[in-house]
């Protein structure tokens, strides 16, 4: 087994960046698997498969300050398939994202604790099966029905000059073709208008 696949946490040598990356990805996976198993409900496959992507987005792409989750210029992460919310709960916990209340006052405590993850998908939990806006810092949109997060993400795109808007419409056409039928089975519709395809 390679050193990257199983980094030695208690080793006297410091971990390499690759080992730390792999440990972080595996921690996201483990938190997700354990929470779904504990709840006896949920989808472990999506968090398992997307853990490397989520880790890369949050650590290398997004501009987000876990100490100030209401920073106005932050990148917003909207989880379209809300049933894979353990990805979001794991990342919010591991990044140490701080809690704010409904009035956007900083509370000085974690937004998602390990105990919240232990109560994943339980009545009254701060880590429900589908994220809900305003209940937990770091959740940018309620994404219950399938496809709702996709629509919200598209709606939050800033206005762009005509050339960029045309590129965005082409991208939406390609994306729409790739969406599986499951997103439409639950009454979710895709945006209509000039970007509509047949």
C-alpha atoms as a PDB file:
ATOM      1  CA  UNK A   1       0.000   0.000   0.000  1.00  0.00           C
ATOM      2  CA  UNK A   2       1.374   3.416  -0.888  1.00  0.00           C
ATOM      3  CA  UNK A   3       2.189   6.102   1.644  1.00  0.00           C
ATOM      4  CA  UNK A   4      -0.358   8.379  -0.017  1.00  0.00           C
ATOM      5  CA  UNK A   5      -3.162   5.837   0.371  1.00  0.00           C
ATOM      6  CA  UNK A   6      -2.534   5.475   4.108  1.00  0.00           C
ATOM      7  CA  UNK A   7      -0.579   8.395   5.543  1.00  0.00           C
ATOM      8  CA  UNK A   8       0.911   7.784   8.949  1.00  0.00           C
ATOM      9  CA  UNK A   9      -0.736  10.329  11.217  1.00  0.00           C
ATOM     10  CA  UNK A  10       1.467   9.475  14.197  1.00  0.00           C
ATOM     11  CA  UNK A  11       4.691   9.433  12.204  1.00  0.00           C
ATOM     12  CA  UNK A  12       7.620  11.558  13.375  1.00  0.00           C
ATOM     13  CA  UNK A  13       8.042  12.859   9.817  1.00  0.00           C
ATOM     14  CA  UNK A  14       5.757  15.682   8.705  1.00  0.00           C
ATOM     15  CA  UNK A  15       3.111  14.765   6.157  1.00  0.00           C
ATOM     16  CA  UNK A  16       3.629  15.759   2.556  1.00  0.00           C
ATOM     17  CA  UNK A  17       1.042  17.958   0.843  1.00  0.00           C
ATOM     18  CA  UNK A  18      -0.206  14.951  -1.130  1.00  0.00           C
ATOM     19  CA  UNK A  19      -0.618  12.907   2.056  1.00  0.00           C
ATOM     20  CA  UNK A  20      -2.476  15.736   3.776  1.00  0.00           C
ATOM     21  CA  UNK A  21      -4.752  16.147   0.741  1.00  0.00           C
ATOM     22  CA  UNK A  22      -5.537  12.420   0.724  1.00  0.00           C
ATOM     23  CA  UNK A  23      -6.146  12.356   4.478  1.00  0.00           C
ATOM     24  CA  UNK A  24      -8.550  15.294   4.148  1.00  0.00           C
ATOM     25  CA  UNK A  25     -10.448  13.624   1.299  1.00  0.00           C
ATOM     26  CA  UNK A  26     -10.659  10.368   3.227  1.00  0.00           C
ATOM     27  CA  UNK A  27     -11.909  12.251   6.305  1.00  0.00           C
ATOM     28  CA  UNK A  28     -14.749  13.786   4.254  1.00  0.00           C
ATOM     29  CA  UNK A  29     -15.600  10.296   3.008  1.00  0.00           C
ATOM     30  CA  UNK A  30     -15.434   8.737   6.479  1.00  0.00           C
ATOM     31  CA  UNK A  31     -17.599  11.419   8.102  1.00  0.00           C
ATOM     32  CA  UNK A  32     -20.145  10.974   5.325  1.00  0.00           C
ATOM     33  CA  UNK A  33     -20.217   7.179   5.502  1.00  0.00           C
ATOM     34  CA  UNK A  34     -20.481   7.139   9.301  1.00  0.00           C
ATOM     35  CA  UNK A  35     -23.266   9.737   9.372  1.00  0.00           C
ATOM     36  CA  UNK A  36     -25.335   7.935   6.735  1.00  0.00           C
ATOM     37  CA  UNK A  37     -24.809   4.615   8.536  1.00  0.00           C
ATOM     38  CA  UNK A  38     -25.767   6.145  11.911  1.00  0.00           C
ATOM     39  CA  UNK A  39     -28.917   7.723  10.431  1.00  0.00           C
ATOM     40  CA  UNK A  40     -29.813   4.515   8.578  1.00  0.00           C
ATOM     41  CA  UNK A  41     -30.825   6.888   5.811  1.00  0.00           C
ATOM     42  CA  UNK A  42     -29.077   8.863   3.099  1.00  0.00           C
ATOM     43  CA  UNK A  43     -26.832   8.473   0.097  1.00  0.00           C
ATOM     44  CA  UNK A  44     -23.220   7.471   0.802  1.00  0.00           C
ATOM     45  CA  UNK A  45     -22.236   7.029  -2.860  1.00  0.00           C
ATOM     46  CA  UNK A  46     -22.252  10.690  -3.853  1.00  0.00           C
ATOM     47  CA  UNK A  47     -20.089  11.873  -0.939  1.00  0.00           C
ATOM     48  CA  UNK A  48     -17.679   8.996  -1.586  1.00  0.00           C
ATOM     49  CA  UNK A  49     -17.328   9.870  -5.261  1.00  0.00           C
ATOM     50  CA  UNK A  50     -17.306  13.664  -4.953  1.00  0.00           C
ATOM     51  CA  UNK A  51     -15.073  14.080  -1.892  1.00  0.00           C
ATOM     52  CA  UNK A  52     -11.965  14.877  -4.031  1.00  0.00           C
ATOM     53  CA  UNK A  53     -13.927  17.431  -6.069  1.00  0.00           C
ATOM     54  CA  UNK A  54     -15.420  19.142  -3.018  1.00  0.00           C
ATOM     55  CA  UNK A  55     -12.039  19.223  -1.278  1.00  0.00           C
ATOM     56  CA  UNK A  56     -10.421  20.794  -4.350  1.00  0.00           C
ATOM     57  CA  UNK A  57     -13.196  23.363  -4.795  1.00  0.00           C
ATOM     58  CA  UNK A  58     -13.138  24.495  -1.169  1.00  0.00           C
ATOM     59  CA  UNK A  59      -9.348  24.531  -0.828  1.00  0.00           C
ATOM     60  CA  UNK A  60      -8.070  25.613  -4.213  1.00  0.00           C
ATOM     61  CA  UNK A  61     -10.872  27.380  -6.097  1.00  0.00           C
ATOM     62  CA  UNK A  62     -13.416  29.078  -3.868  1.00  0.00           C
ATOM     63  CA  UNK A  63     -12.835  32.333  -2.047  1.00  0.00           C
ATOM     64  CA  UNK A  64     -14.383  31.633   1.345  1.00  0.00           C
ATOM     65  CA  UNK A  65     -13.386  32.640   4.866  1.00  0.00           C
ATOM     66  CA  UNK A  66     -14.672  30.137   7.446  1.00  0.00           C
ATOM     67  CA  UNK A  67     -14.101  32.708  10.198  1.00  0.00           C
ATOM     68  CA  UNK A  68     -16.398  35.156   8.363  1.00  0.00           C
ATOM     69  CA  UNK A  69     -19.031  33.101   6.493  1.00  0.00           C
ATOM     70  CA  UNK A  70     -21.073  36.211   5.680  1.00  0.00           C
ATOM     71  CA  UNK A  71     -18.218  38.015   3.918  1.00  0.00           C
ATOM     72  CA  UNK A  72     -20.026  39.754   1.009  1.00  0.00           C
ATOM     73  CA  UNK A  73     -17.427  38.892  -1.660  1.00  0.00           C
ATOM     74  CA  UNK A  74     -17.336  35.148  -0.917  1.00  0.00           C
ATOM     75  CA  UNK A  75     -17.952  32.472  -3.499  1.00  0.00           C
ATOM     76  CA  UNK A  76     -21.222  30.669  -2.890  1.00  0.00           C
ATOM     77  CA  UNK A  77     -21.408  26.881  -2.962  1.00  0.00           C
ATOM     78  CA  UNK A  78     -24.894  25.634  -3.853  1.00  0.00           C
ATOM     79  CA  UNK A  79     -25.365  21.890  -3.600  1.00  0.00           C
ATOM     80  CA  UNK A  80     -27.848  21.016  -6.343  1.00  0.00           C
ATOM     81  CA  UNK A  81     -28.401  17.452  -5.195  1.00  0.00           C
ATOM     82  CA  UNK A  82     -29.322  18.261  -1.604  1.00  0.00           C
ATOM     83  CA  UNK A  83     -29.641  14.575  -0.725  1.00  0.00           C
ATOM     84  CA  UNK A  84     -25.807  14.453  -0.813  1.00  0.00           C
ATOM     85  CA  UNK A  85     -25.679  17.076   1.939  1.00  0.00           C
ATOM     86  CA  UNK A  86     -23.142  15.135   4.010  1.00  0.00           C
ATOM     87  CA  UNK A  87     -20.540  16.583   1.637  1.00  0.00           C
ATOM     88  CA  UNK A  88     -21.508  20.063   2.758  1.00  0.00           C
ATOM     89  CA  UNK A  89     -21.796  19.195   6.467  1.00  0.00           C
ATOM     90  CA  UNK A  90     -18.375  17.502   6.393  1.00  0.00           C
ATOM     91  CA  UNK A  91     -16.675  20.460   4.724  1.00  0.00           C
ATOM     92  CA  UNK A  92     -18.324  23.037   6.989  1.00  0.00           C
ATOM     93  CA  UNK A  93     -17.194  21.032  10.020  1.00  0.00           C
ATOM     94  CA  UNK A  94     -13.652  20.389   8.790  1.00  0.00           C
ATOM     95  CA  UNK A  95     -13.051  24.004   7.720  1.00  0.00           C
ATOM     96  CA  UNK A  96     -14.216  25.271  11.104  1.00  0.00           C
ATOM     97  CA  UNK A  97     -16.873  27.524   9.585  1.00  0.00           C
ATOM     98  CA  UNK A  98     -18.203  29.792  12.324  1.00  0.00           C
ATOM     99  CA  UNK A  99     -21.901  30.211  13.137  1.00  0.00           C
ATOM    100  CA  UNK A 100     -23.963  33.345  12.618  1.00  0.00           C
ATOM    101  CA  UNK A 101     -27.575  33.858  13.649  1.00  0.00           C
ATOM    102  CA  UNK A 102     -30.556  34.970  11.525  1.00  0.00           C
ATOM    103  CA  UNK A 103     -29.584  38.615  12.138  1.00  0.00           C
ATOM    104  CA  UNK A 104     -26.072  37.880  10.773  1.00  0.00           C
ATOM    105  CA  UNK A 105     -24.430  38.336  14.160  1.00  0.00           C
ATOM    106  CA  UNK A 106     -21.311  36.222  14.682  1.00  0.00           C
ATOM    107  CA  UNK A 107     -21.792  33.700  17.482  1.00  0.00           C
ATOM    108  CA  UNK A 108     -18.169  32.570  17.924  1.00  0.00           C
ATOM    109  CA  UNK A 109     -18.964  28.851  17.763  1.00  0.00           C
ATOM    110  CA  UNK A 110     -18.759  26.268  14.978  1.00  0.00           C
ATOM    111  CA  UNK A 111     -21.610  26.193  12.470  1.00  0.00           C
ATOM    112  CA  UNK A 112     -21.502  22.373  12.312  1.00  0.00           C
ATOM    113  CA  UNK A 113     -20.104  20.310  15.173  1.00  0.00           C
ATOM    114  CA  UNK A 114     -19.242  16.626  15.230  1.00  0.00           C
ATOM    115  CA  UNK A 115     -22.329  16.133  17.402  1.00  0.00           C
ATOM    116  CA  UNK A 116     -24.467  17.759  14.669  1.00  0.00           C
ATOM    117  CA  UNK A 117     -23.030  15.257  12.188  1.00  0.00           C
ATOM    118  CA  UNK A 118     -23.801  12.403  14.610  1.00  0.00           C
ATOM    119  CA  UNK A 119     -27.446  13.527  14.474  1.00  0.00           C
ATOM    120  CA  UNK A 120     -27.521  13.779  10.661  1.00  0.00           C
ATOM    121  CA  UNK A 121     -31.058  13.408   9.233  1.00  0.00           C
ATOM    122  CA  UNK A 122     -32.654  13.313  12.699  1.00  0.00           C
ATOM    123  CA  UNK A 123     -35.602  15.466  13.713  1.00  0.00           C
ATOM    124  CA  UNK A 124     -34.413  18.914  14.830  1.00  0.00           C
ATOM    125  CA  UNK A 125     -30.851  18.340  13.608  1.00  0.00           C
ATOM    126  CA  UNK A 126     -28.696  21.187  12.304  1.00  0.00           C
ATOM    127  CA  UNK A 127     -27.563  18.690   9.631  1.00  0.00           C
ATOM    128  CA  UNK A 128     -30.766  17.671   7.841  1.00  0.00           C
ATOM    129  CA  UNK A 129     -30.948  15.473   4.749  1.00  0.00           C
ATOM    130  CA  UNK A 130     -31.364  18.565   2.551  1.00  0.00           C
ATOM    131  CA  UNK A 131     -29.601  21.856   3.437  1.00  0.00           C
ATOM    132  CA  UNK A 132     -31.824  24.754   4.432  1.00  0.00           C
ATOM    133  CA  UNK A 133     -30.804  28.388   4.131  1.00  0.00           C
ATOM    134  CA  UNK A 134     -30.598  30.421   7.361  1.00  0.00           C
ATOM    135  CA  UNK A 135     -30.345  27.369   9.640  1.00  0.00           C
ATOM    136  CA  UNK A 136     -26.591  26.834   9.288  1.00  0.00           C
ATOM    137  CA  UNK A 137     -23.803  29.220   8.247  1.00  0.00           C
ATOM    138  CA  UNK A 138     -22.312  28.203   4.919  1.00  0.00           C
ATOM    139  CA  UNK A 139     -25.605  27.010   3.446  1.00  0.00           C
ATOM    140  CA  UNK A 140     -26.300  29.487   0.659  1.00  0.00           C
ATOM    141  CA  UNK A 141     -29.629  28.104  -0.585  1.00  0.00           C
ATOM    142  CA  UNK A 142     -32.340  25.625   0.366  1.00  0.00           C
ATOM    143  CA  UNK A 143     -32.077  22.763  -2.099  1.00  0.00           C
ATOM    144  CA  UNK A 144     -34.931  20.366  -1.475  1.00  0.00           C
ATOM    145  CA  UNK A 145     -36.428  19.228  -4.796  1.00  0.00           C
ATOM    146  CA  UNK A 146     -33.990  17.850  -7.351  1.00  0.00           C
ATOM    147  CA  UNK A 147     -32.804  20.546  -9.742  1.00  0.00           C
ATOM    148  CA  UNK A 148     -33.652  23.405  -7.376  1.00  0.00           C
ATOM    149  CA  UNK A 149     -29.977  24.063  -6.633  1.00  0.00           C
ATOM    150  CA  UNK A 150     -29.185  24.123 -10.356  1.00  0.00           C
ATOM    151  CA  UNK A 151     -31.840  26.781 -10.949  1.00  0.00           C
ATOM    152  CA  UNK A 152     -30.670  28.852  -7.999  1.00  0.00           C
ATOM    153  CA  UNK A 153     -27.063  28.670  -9.122  1.00  0.00           C
ATOM    154  CA  UNK A 154     -28.007  29.869 -12.593  1.00  0.00           C
ATOM    155  CA  UNK A 155     -30.185  32.655 -11.167  1.00  0.00           C
ATOM    156  CA  UNK A 156     -27.318  33.924  -8.994  1.00  0.00           C
ATOM    157  CA  UNK A 157     -24.961  34.401 -11.914  1.00  0.00           C
ATOM    158  CA  UNK A 158     -24.034  38.085 -12.226  1.00  0.00           C
ATOM    159  CA  UNK A 159     -25.104  40.036 -15.277  1.00  0.00           C
ATOM    160  CA  UNK A 160     -22.484  39.766 -17.976  1.00  0.00           C
ATOM    161  CA  UNK A 161     -21.659  41.552 -21.230  1.00  0.00           C
ATOM    162  CA  UNK A 162     -23.357  40.154 -24.354  1.00  0.00           C
ATOM    163  CA  UNK A 163     -20.361  38.050 -25.483  1.00  0.00           C
ATOM    164  CA  UNK A 164     -20.011  36.323 -22.132  1.00  0.00           C
ATOM    165  CA  UNK A 165     -23.786  35.926 -21.882  1.00  0.00           C
ATOM    166  CA  UNK A 166     -23.777  34.047 -25.216  1.00  0.00           C
ATOM    167  CA  UNK A 167     -21.035  31.731 -23.937  1.00  0.00           C
ATOM    168  CA  UNK A 168     -23.067  31.141 -20.781  1.00  0.00           C
ATOM    169  CA  UNK A 169     -26.139  30.233 -22.843  1.00  0.00           C
ATOM    170  CA  UNK A 170     -24.076  27.733 -24.845  1.00  0.00           C
ATOM    171  CA  UNK A 171     -22.788  26.265 -21.585  1.00  0.00           C
ATOM    172  CA  UNK A 172     -26.360  25.982 -20.237  1.00  0.00           C
ATOM    173  CA  UNK A 173     -27.451  24.142 -23.394  1.00  0.00           C
ATOM    174  CA  UNK A 174     -24.656  21.596 -22.945  1.00  0.00           C
ATOM    175  CA  UNK A 175     -25.364  21.290 -19.220  1.00  0.00           C
ATOM    176  CA  UNK A 176     -29.091  20.826 -19.824  1.00  0.00           C
ATOM    177  CA  UNK A 177     -28.409  17.949 -22.215  1.00  0.00           C
ATOM    178  CA  UNK A 178     -26.306  16.255 -19.542  1.00  0.00           C
ATOM    179  CA  UNK A 179     -28.843  16.499 -16.727  1.00  0.00           C
ATOM    180  CA  UNK A 180     -30.471  13.156 -16.116  1.00  0.00           C
ATOM    181  CA  UNK A 181     -34.231  12.663 -16.159  1.00  0.00           C
ATOM    182  CA  UNK A 182     -34.351  12.326 -12.379  1.00  0.00           C
ATOM    183  CA  UNK A 183     -34.099  16.074 -12.020  1.00  0.00           C
ATOM    184  CA  UNK A 184     -37.326  16.505 -13.970  1.00  0.00           C
ATOM    185  CA  UNK A 185     -39.300  13.650 -12.415  1.00  0.00           C
ATOM    186  CA  UNK A 186     -39.923  15.629  -9.246  1.00  0.00           C
ATOM    187  CA  UNK A 187     -41.534  18.647 -10.891  1.00  0.00           C
ATOM    188  CA  UNK A 188     -38.341  20.623 -11.310  1.00  0.00           C
ATOM    189  CA  UNK A 189     -38.078  22.451 -14.599  1.00  0.00           C
ATOM    190  CA  UNK A 190     -35.128  23.923 -16.378  1.00  0.00           C
ATOM    191  CA  UNK A 191     -34.948  27.601 -17.347  1.00  0.00           C
ATOM    192  CA  UNK A 192     -36.846  28.504 -20.492  1.00  0.00           C
ATOM    193  CA  UNK A 193     -36.141  31.224 -22.982  1.00  0.00           C
ATOM    194  CA  UNK A 194     -33.494  31.851 -25.619  1.00  0.00           C
ATOM    195  CA  UNK A 195     -31.304  29.028 -24.283  1.00  0.00           C
ATOM    196  CA  UNK A 196     -34.012  26.385 -24.669  1.00  0.00           C
ATOM    197  CA  UNK A 197     -33.017  23.325 -26.669  1.00  0.00           C
ATOM    198  CA  UNK A 198     -35.144  20.703 -28.331  1.00  0.00           C
END
